[in-house]
Amino acid sequence: MDFHKTRKVHVIFFVIITVLTILLVISPQYMYNACSSKIDEPYPIEILQQQGYEVKRIPKNGNLKNKSLLRKGSNGKGNGTQLVQAGKCVKRLPRAIVVGIQKCGTTALVKFLGAHPEIAAFQYEAQYFFGRNYQNHPIDWYRKMMPCSFPNQITIEKSPPYFYRREAAKNIRDMNPKTKIIIIVKDPVTRAVSMYAMLKEYKKVGGKSFEDCVTYNDNKTINSSSRFIEFSNYPKHMQVWLEYFNREQILMLDGHQMELNPASELKKVERFLGIKNYFTPEMFAYNLTKKKYCLNIDPDKLDCLTDKKGREHPDIDSDIRISLEQYFRPLNKRFFKMINMSFDWSY
């Protein structure tokens, strides 16, 4: 009897140690306080995003009866474009990668692109081109992660941590120097506040306010080493991508316009990738609850982002906002010059 009790204890102990080991090895990015000044780690992956996409249930005033999930590959009624499945469906390396920017609409972008009949979109974050994944796994391991695609389809993946990693830019270029790079951006202040809202929900800000996280102890001077500020320093990181890829290989999208008129931004992607026009405004329905667009290709089905999208942002101190705008204004000017285009961020 004592033997069986001892064995049971040993089994439980082994299970606990195994679980802890997996957490430490696979998810080290969760084990930090986001309001610290350490900036050499990737940002935390949005946990539920890694579990796939679910249908957002809209209240009765959402005007739709059926809220079931649209399956990838179903063209619905759309604009008449049909997927001609010519050739063999196999797993292929991506020819286009959404490399960022975090909290600027990458999830919605790739989700919507996945509805295009000429795109096979990997709806998770592969995060292959830096760190242990790249060091420990061959490129074929990465290829096998991708969705099955036909010869007339372009495989796409998105991993926002790539934008902040020089090694990611280099390794993507080594995979294929003709890879097309897609970057979606928002006003850097909005992006920082959105990042804070996400990490606060995941209890990664140590109980600090947004103002505490982006300033020094005097609560007035912007802390350039803050993760929220560092990750919004677009020209610093953009410079790396322009070193490894020609500007013509990089498409810049407006994350604010994606929220207002997704079809117009998606048409830019279609032209950039050289694929047929597919998206129209009628393919999207606005979720009044979350203030986000959903795919509405089938009139009886609405495919939305997860409940974690559309978080409420905290109100921030007006003086801090002014300081942030003053801090980012010259950086934005430099960024616009780099990419030879500008965005209207109202400051």
Protein backbone atom coordinates (compact mmCIF):
# COMPACT_ATOMS: atom_id res chain seq x y z
CA MET A 1 0.00 0.00 0.00
CA ASP A 2 2.80 2.41 0.92
CA PHE A 3 4.53 1.48 -2.32
CA HIS A 4 1.49 2.52 -4.36
CA LYS A 5 1.17 5.81 -2.47
CA THR A 6 4.82 6.57 -3.04
CA ARG A 7 4.54 5.74 -6.72
CA LYS A 8 1.49 8.01 -7.05
CA VAL A 9 3.38 10.90 -5.44
CA HIS A 10 6.29 10.34 -7.82
CA VAL A 11 3.95 10.40 -10.84
CA ILE A 12 2.30 13.66 -9.71
CA PHE A 13 5.71 15.22 -9.06
CA PHE A 14 6.90 14.17 -12.53
CA VAL A 15 3.83 15.71 -14.19
CA ILE A 16 4.30 19.02 -12.35
CA ILE A 17 7.99 19.21 -13.30
CA THR A 18 7.15 18.39 -16.95
CA VAL A 19 4.49 21.13 -17.16
CA LEU A 20 6.82 23.70 -15.59
CA THR A 21 9.59 22.74 -17.99
CA ILE A 22 7.31 23.18 -21.01
CA LEU A 23 6.21 26.60 -19.79
CA LEU A 24 9.79 27.73 -19.29
CA VAL A 25 11.05 26.41 -22.61
CA ILE A 26 8.17 27.31 -24.89
CA SER A 27 6.90 30.51 -23.32
CA PRO A 28 9.79 32.50 -21.82
CA GLN A 29 8.29 35.68 -23.22
CA TYR A 30 5.54 35.54 -20.60
CA MET A 31 7.98 35.61 -17.70
CA TYR A 32 8.67 39.31 -17.43
CA ASN A 33 7.25 42.62 -16.32
CA ALA A 34 6.43 44.65 -19.42
CA CYS A 35 7.00 47.95 -17.65
CA SER A 36 10.66 47.15 -17.06
CA SER A 37 13.25 48.84 -19.27
CA LYS A 38 14.65 45.57 -20.61
CA ILE A 39 13.97 45.54 -24.34
CA ASP A 40 15.88 42.57 -25.70
CA GLU A 41 13.02 40.06 -25.50
CA PRO A 42 10.08 39.64 -27.89
CA TYR A 43 6.71 40.94 -26.71
CA PRO A 44 4.28 38.42 -25.20
CA ILE A 45 2.26 36.51 -27.76
CA GLU A 46 -1.46 37.03 -27.37
CA ILE A 47 -2.30 33.77 -25.65
CA LEU A 48 -5.76 33.14 -27.00
CA GLN A 49 -4.68 34.07 -30.51
CA GLN A 50 -2.53 30.94 -30.57
CA GLN A 51 -5.69 28.88 -30.06
CA GLY A 52 -7.17 29.92 -33.40
CA TYR A 53 -10.06 32.16 -34.31
CA GLU A 54 -13.58 32.01 -33.05
CA VAL A 55 -16.80 33.67 -34.10
CA LYS A 56 -17.69 36.77 -32.12
CA ARG A 57 -21.23 36.45 -30.89
CA ILE A 58 -23.03 39.68 -31.70
CA PRO A 59 -25.96 40.94 -29.56
CA LYS A 60 -29.46 40.94 -31.00
CA ASN A 61 -28.92 44.39 -32.50
CA GLY A 62 -26.13 42.89 -34.62
CA ASN A 63 -28.88 42.01 -37.16
CA LEU A 64 -27.51 38.55 -37.99
CA LYS A 65 -29.19 35.30 -37.04
CA ASN A 66 -26.51 32.73 -37.83
CA LYS A 67 -23.14 33.29 -36.10
CA SER A 68 -21.37 30.09 -37.19
CA LEU A 69 -17.78 30.05 -38.41
CA LEU A 70 -16.82 30.54 -42.04
CA ARG A 71 -14.41 27.84 -43.13
CA LYS A 72 -11.19 28.78 -44.90
CA GLY A 73 -11.53 28.11 -48.61
CA SER A 74 -15.24 28.81 -48.74
CA ASN A 75 -15.71 31.61 -51.25
CA GLY A 76 -19.32 32.18 -50.31
CA LYS A 77 -20.96 34.51 -52.79
CA GLY A 78 -18.13 37.02 -52.74
CA ASN A 79 -17.66 38.89 -56.03
CA GLY A 80 -17.81 35.81 -58.21
CA THR A 81 -14.11 34.95 -58.05
CA GLN A 82 -13.69 31.19 -57.76
CA LEU A 83 -10.65 29.18 -56.71
CA VAL A 84 -9.51 26.94 -59.53
CA GLN A 85 -7.69 24.13 -57.75
CA ALA A 86 -5.19 23.34 -60.47
CA GLY A 87 -2.24 21.11 -59.61
CA LYS A 88 -1.37 19.47 -56.34
CA CYS A 89 -2.10 20.92 -52.90
CA VAL A 90 1.16 20.85 -50.96
CA LYS A 91 2.82 22.76 -48.15
CA ARG A 92 5.00 25.56 -49.49
CA LEU A 93 7.25 28.24 -48.04
CA PRO A 94 5.58 31.66 -47.82
CA ARG A 95 6.15 34.10 -50.65
CA ALA A 96 4.88 36.99 -48.54
CA ILE A 97 5.24 37.63 -44.81
CA VAL A 98 3.49 40.15 -42.57
CA VAL A 99 6.35 41.12 -40.26
CA GLY A 100 4.52 43.70 -38.15
CA ILE A 101 3.75 45.92 -36.52
CA GLN A 102 2.46 44.56 -33.23
CA LYS A 103 -0.92 46.04 -32.14
CA CYS A 104 -1.47 47.64 -35.55
CA GLY A 105 -3.93 45.15 -37.06
CA THR A 106 -1.82 42.19 -38.20
CA THR A 107 -4.37 39.64 -36.97
CA ALA A 108 -7.28 41.20 -38.83
CA LEU A 109 -5.14 41.68 -41.94
CA VAL A 110 -4.12 38.02 -42.22
CA LYS A 111 -7.55 36.76 -41.22
CA PHE A 112 -9.16 38.78 -44.01
CA LEU A 113 -6.46 37.84 -46.53
CA GLY A 114 -7.13 34.18 -45.74
CA ALA A 115 -10.55 34.54 -47.38
CA HIS A 116 -8.99 35.38 -50.76
CA PRO A 117 -9.12 32.35 -53.07
CA GLU A 118 -5.55 32.94 -54.25
CA ILE A 119 -4.06 33.13 -50.75
CA ALA A 120 -3.25 30.36 -48.27
CA ALA A 121 -2.78 32.13 -44.94
CA PHE A 122 -1.22 30.60 -41.85
CA GLN A 123 -3.51 31.91 -39.10
CA TYR A 124 -1.04 31.66 -36.23
CA GLU A 125 2.33 33.19 -35.43
CA ALA A 126 5.11 30.94 -36.67
CA GLN A 127 7.89 33.06 -35.14
CA TYR A 128 10.43 30.94 -36.96
CA PHE A 129 13.12 33.33 -38.18
CA PHE A 130 14.75 34.17 -34.85
CA GLY A 131 15.72 32.49 -31.61
CA ARG A 132 15.45 28.81 -30.78
CA ASN A 133 12.99 27.92 -33.53
CA TYR A 134 15.48 28.99 -36.21
CA GLN A 135 18.49 27.59 -34.40
CA ASN A 136 16.96 24.20 -33.67
CA HIS A 137 14.80 23.49 -36.71
CA PRO A 138 15.53 23.27 -40.46
CA ILE A 139 13.58 25.30 -42.99
CA ASP A 140 11.58 22.19 -43.91
CA TRP A 141 10.18 22.11 -40.36
CA TYR A 142 8.89 25.64 -40.95
CA ARG A 143 7.48 24.73 -44.36
CA LYS A 144 5.46 21.91 -42.83
CA MET A 145 3.78 24.40 -40.49
CA MET A 146 2.26 26.24 -43.44
CA PRO A 147 -1.20 25.45 -44.83
CA CYS A 148 -1.61 23.30 -47.90
CA SER A 149 -1.72 25.42 -51.06
CA PHE A 150 -2.21 25.04 -54.80
CA PRO A 151 0.24 26.38 -57.42
CA ASN A 152 -2.02 29.38 -58.10
CA GLN A 153 -2.05 30.38 -54.43
CA ILE A 154 0.41 32.47 -52.43
CA THR A 155 1.27 31.25 -48.94
CA ILE A 156 1.37 34.02 -46.31
CA GLU A 157 2.26 34.05 -42.65
CA LYS A 158 2.49 36.80 -40.02
CA SER A 159 4.70 37.16 -36.98
CA PRO A 160 4.91 40.71 -35.56
CA PRO A 161 8.06 39.96 -33.50
CA TYR A 162 9.98 39.78 -36.78
CA PHE A 163 9.84 43.56 -37.16
CA TYR A 164 11.99 44.07 -34.07
CA ARG A 165 14.62 41.45 -34.96
CA ARG A 166 17.53 42.08 -37.29
CA GLU A 167 18.16 38.35 -37.48
CA ALA A 168 14.60 37.82 -38.71
CA ALA A 169 15.12 40.19 -41.64
CA LYS A 170 18.41 38.50 -42.52
CA ASN A 171 17.05 34.97 -42.21
CA ILE A 172 13.96 35.73 -44.31
CA ARG A 173 16.17 37.16 -47.01
CA ASP A 174 18.38 34.07 -46.83
CA MET A 175 15.29 31.90 -47.32
CA ASN A 176 14.25 33.86 -50.42
CA PRO A 177 15.57 37.33 -51.36
CA LYS A 178 12.40 37.86 -53.43
CA THR A 179 10.06 37.46 -50.43
CA LYS A 180 7.46 40.21 -50.29
CA ILE A 181 7.24 42.02 -46.95
CA ILE A 182 4.01 43.53 -45.61
CA ILE A 183 3.99 45.99 -42.71
CA ILE A 184 0.87 47.56 -41.23
CA VAL A 185 1.30 50.60 -38.99
CA LYS A 186 -0.70 52.86 -36.69
CA ASP A 187 0.02 56.09 -34.90
CA PRO A 188 2.82 55.11 -32.44
CA VAL A 189 0.96 56.59 -29.47
CA THR A 190 -2.16 54.56 -30.24
CA ARG A 191 0.00 51.47 -30.72
CA ALA A 192 1.68 51.96 -27.33
CA VAL A 193 -1.66 52.41 -25.54
CA SER A 194 -3.05 49.29 -27.24
CA MET A 195 -0.01 47.27 -26.18
CA TYR A 196 -0.50 48.47 -22.60
CA ALA A 197 -4.20 47.47 -22.64
CA MET A 198 -3.28 43.97 -23.81
CA LEU A 199 -0.50 43.46 -21.27
CA LYS A 200 -2.55 44.88 -18.43
CA GLU A 201 -5.21 42.27 -19.16
CA TYR A 202 -2.50 39.61 -19.01
CA LYS A 203 -1.25 41.13 -15.72
CA LYS A 204 2.15 41.96 -17.20
CA VAL A 205 2.43 45.61 -16.12
CA GLY A 206 3.04 45.11 -12.42
CA GLY A 207 0.02 47.17 -11.41
CA LYS A 208 1.47 50.31 -13.02
CA SER A 209 -0.50 52.87 -14.98
CA PHE A 210 0.26 53.60 -18.62
CA GLU A 211 1.80 56.90 -17.56
CA ASP A 212 4.14 55.10 -15.14
CA CYS A 213 5.16 52.65 -17.83
CA VAL A 214 6.19 55.24 -20.40
CA THR A 215 7.89 57.84 -18.19
CA TYR A 216 10.76 58.05 -15.75
CA ASN A 217 10.13 58.43 -12.02
CA ASP A 218 9.29 62.11 -12.41
CA ASN A 219 6.21 60.99 -14.41
CA LYS A 220 6.95 63.72 -16.97
CA THR A 221 9.94 62.71 -19.07
CA ILE A 222 9.30 60.02 -21.72
CA ASN A 223 11.34 56.88 -21.04
CA SER A 224 12.80 55.88 -24.40
CA SER A 225 13.80 52.49 -22.94
CA SER A 226 10.21 51.59 -22.09
CA ARG A 227 8.99 48.65 -24.16
CA PHE A 228 5.92 50.64 -25.14
CA ILE A 229 8.06 53.49 -26.49
CA GLU A 230 10.79 51.29 -27.96
CA PHE A 231 8.29 49.18 -29.91
CA SER A 232 6.79 52.38 -31.37
CA ASN A 233 10.17 53.65 -32.56
CA TYR A 234 9.42 52.74 -36.16
CA PRO A 235 12.47 54.25 -37.93
CA LYS A 236 14.91 52.36 -35.69
CA HIS A 237 13.51 49.00 -36.77
CA MET A 238 12.47 49.97 -40.29
CA GLN A 239 16.07 50.77 -41.14
CA VAL A 240 16.97 47.10 -40.75
CA TRP A 241 14.33 45.94 -43.23
CA LEU A 242 15.45 48.50 -45.78
CA GLU A 243 18.97 47.11 -45.47
CA TYR A 244 17.85 43.62 -46.45
CA PHE A 245 14.96 44.32 -48.87
CA ASN A 246 14.34 46.81 -51.64
CA ARG A 247 11.65 49.36 -50.89
CA GLU A 248 9.63 47.96 -53.82
CA GLN A 249 9.45 44.63 -51.96
CA ILE A 250 7.83 46.23 -48.92
CA LEU A 251 4.16 47.19 -48.74
CA MET A 252 3.17 49.69 -46.05
CA LEU A 253 -0.47 49.61 -44.93
CA ASP A 254 -2.45 52.01 -42.76
CA GLY A 255 -3.84 50.22 -39.71
CA HIS A 256 -6.34 53.01 -39.03
CA GLN A 257 -7.71 52.77 -42.57
CA MET A 258 -7.91 49.00 -42.15
CA GLU A 259 -10.33 49.61 -39.29
CA LEU A 260 -12.37 52.17 -41.26
CA ASN A 261 -12.38 50.61 -44.73
CA PRO A 262 -10.74 47.16 -44.85
CA ALA A 263 -11.59 46.55 -48.50
CA SER A 264 -9.52 49.55 -49.64
CA GLU A 265 -6.39 48.39 -47.78
CA LEU A 266 -6.84 44.80 -48.94
CA LYS A 267 -6.96 45.97 -52.55
CA LYS A 268 -3.48 47.39 -52.03
CA VAL A 269 -2.34 43.93 -50.99
CA GLU A 270 -3.96 42.38 -54.07
CA ARG A 271 -2.06 44.78 -56.34
CA PHE A 272 1.17 44.24 -54.42
CA LEU A 273 0.93 40.45 -54.71
CA GLY A 274 -0.31 40.51 -58.30
CA ILE A 275 -3.51 38.58 -57.58
CA LYS A 276 -7.07 39.08 -58.77
CA ASN A 277 -9.37 41.70 -57.28
CA TYR A 278 -11.62 39.93 -54.83
CA PHE A 279 -12.49 42.07 -51.81
CA THR A 280 -15.42 44.49 -51.90
CA PRO A 281 -16.98 46.56 -49.09
CA GLU A 282 -20.01 44.24 -49.12
CA MET A 283 -17.82 41.42 -47.81
CA PHE A 284 -17.50 43.10 -44.41
CA ALA A 285 -19.98 43.74 -41.60
CA TYR A 286 -19.32 46.18 -38.77
CA ASN A 287 -19.58 44.82 -35.24
CA LEU A 288 -21.12 47.67 -33.25
CA THR A 289 -20.19 46.00 -29.97
CA LYS A 290 -16.46 45.65 -30.58
CA LYS A 291 -16.18 48.42 -33.19
CA LYS A 292 -14.39 46.04 -35.55
CA TYR A 293 -15.19 44.68 -38.99
CA CYS A 294 -16.01 41.01 -39.52
CA LEU A 295 -15.95 38.93 -42.69
CA ASN A 296 -19.45 38.68 -44.12
CA ILE A 297 -18.87 36.67 -47.29
CA ASP A 298 -21.78 34.34 -46.62
CA PRO A 299 -24.93 36.35 -45.78
CA ASP A 300 -25.88 33.78 -43.13
CA LYS A 301 -22.49 33.63 -41.45
CA LEU A 302 -20.34 36.24 -39.74
CA ASP A 303 -16.65 35.58 -39.08
CA CYS A 304 -15.17 37.92 -36.48
CA LEU A 305 -11.96 38.26 -34.54
CA THR A 306 -11.71 36.83 -31.05
CA ASP A 307 -13.25 38.51 -28.02
CA LYS A 308 -9.79 39.72 -27.05
CA LYS A 309 -9.77 42.11 -30.00
CA GLY A 310 -11.26 45.56 -29.52
CA ARG A 311 -10.18 45.98 -25.90
CA GLU A 312 -11.08 49.26 -24.25
CA HIS A 313 -8.09 51.57 -24.05
CA PRO A 314 -7.41 53.55 -20.89
CA ASP A 315 -7.73 57.32 -20.92
CA ILE A 316 -4.27 58.81 -20.60
CA ASP A 317 -3.16 62.04 -19.00
CA SER A 318 -3.42 64.94 -21.50
CA ASP A 319 0.03 66.26 -20.59
CA ILE A 320 1.57 62.83 -21.14
CA ARG A 321 -0.16 62.57 -24.51
CA ILE A 322 1.27 65.92 -25.54
CA SER A 323 4.72 64.77 -24.40
CA LEU A 324 4.35 61.55 -26.38
CA GLU A 325 3.32 63.41 -29.51
CA GLN A 326 6.29 65.74 -29.14
CA TYR A 327 8.58 62.73 -28.63
CA PHE A 328 7.33 60.84 -31.67
CA ARG A 329 6.94 63.78 -34.06
CA PRO A 330 10.59 63.81 -35.23
CA LEU A 331 10.68 60.01 -35.29
CA ASN A 332 7.57 59.96 -37.47
CA LYS A 333 9.13 62.49 -39.81
CA ARG A 334 12.21 60.31 -40.14
CA PHE A 335 10.06 57.23 -40.67
CA PHE A 336 8.02 58.89 -43.43
CA LYS A 337 11.20 59.93 -45.21
CA MET A 338 12.51 56.35 -45.03
CA ILE A 339 9.45 54.79 -46.59
CA ASN A 340 8.78 57.69 -48.99
CA MET A 341 5.17 58.08 -47.85
CA SER A 342 3.31 59.54 -44.90
CA PHE A 343 0.30 58.83 -42.70
CA ASP A 344 -2.09 61.37 -41.20
CA TRP A 345 -1.65 60.93 -37.45
CA SER A 346 -2.84 64.46 -36.64
CA TYR A 347 0.28 65.72 -34.90
